[in-house]
Amino acid sequence: MQRASQIVLASVLALALAACATAPAPDLTPPPGKRLDAKTTLENGPRR
């Protein structure tokens, strides 16, 4: 009985620590630029 209560207590402690863990920082890098197709490049010229 004492072993079961220790396991329950350890589980509650682990869940409490997991709930307090910080989330990873969000990725703030901008998405890559849109590639131009051949027709658009010929009509508008290359991007600078």
Protein backbone atom coordinates (compact mmCIF):
# COMPACT_ATOMS: atom_id res chain seq x y z
CA MET A 1 0.00 0.00 0.00
CA GLN A 2 2.82 2.38 0.85
CA ARG A 3 4.52 1.60 -2.48
CA ALA A 4 1.35 2.48 -4.38
CA SER A 5 1.03 5.82 -2.57
CA GLN A 6 4.67 6.61 -3.41
CA ILE A 7 4.04 5.89 -7.09
CA VAL A 8 0.94 8.09 -7.08
CA LEU A 9 2.83 10.90 -5.35
CA ALA A 10 5.72 10.63 -7.83
CA SER A 11 3.25 10.71 -10.72
CA VAL A 12 1.53 13.82 -9.38
CA LEU A 13 4.90 15.51 -8.90
CA ALA A 14 5.97 14.64 -12.44
CA LEU A 15 2.71 15.97 -13.87
CA ALA A 16 3.07 19.19 -11.87
CA LEU A 17 6.59 19.70 -13.19
CA ALA A 18 5.46 19.02 -16.74
CA ALA A 19 2.63 21.54 -16.42
CA CYS A 20 5.05 24.24 -15.25
CA ALA A 21 7.57 23.65 -18.03
CA THR A 22 7.95 26.53 -20.45
CA ALA A 23 6.95 26.12 -24.06
CA PRO A 24 9.69 26.41 -26.69
CA ALA A 25 10.14 29.83 -28.24
CA PRO A 26 8.13 30.33 -31.45
CA ASP A 27 10.00 30.37 -34.75
CA LEU A 28 10.05 34.04 -35.82
CA THR A 29 11.94 33.66 -39.09
CA PRO A 30 9.98 34.91 -42.09
CA PRO A 31 8.92 32.38 -44.72
CA PRO A 32 11.06 32.19 -47.84
CA GLY A 33 10.17 34.48 -50.70
CA LYS A 34 7.85 33.31 -53.43
CA ARG A 35 9.67 32.02 -56.49
CA LEU A 36 8.75 33.62 -59.79
CA ASP A 37 7.95 31.40 -62.74
CA ALA A 38 9.64 31.85 -66.13
CA LYS A 39 6.77 33.79 -67.70
CA THR A 40 6.60 36.31 -64.85
CA THR A 41 10.38 36.76 -64.94
CA LEU A 42 10.31 37.44 -68.68
CA GLU A 43 7.42 39.90 -68.35
CA ASN A 44 8.67 41.83 -65.30
CA GLY A 45 12.41 41.26 -65.36
CA PRO A 46 14.40 39.56 -62.62
CA ARG A 47 13.95 40.61 -59.01
CA ARG A 48 16.65 42.72 -57.46
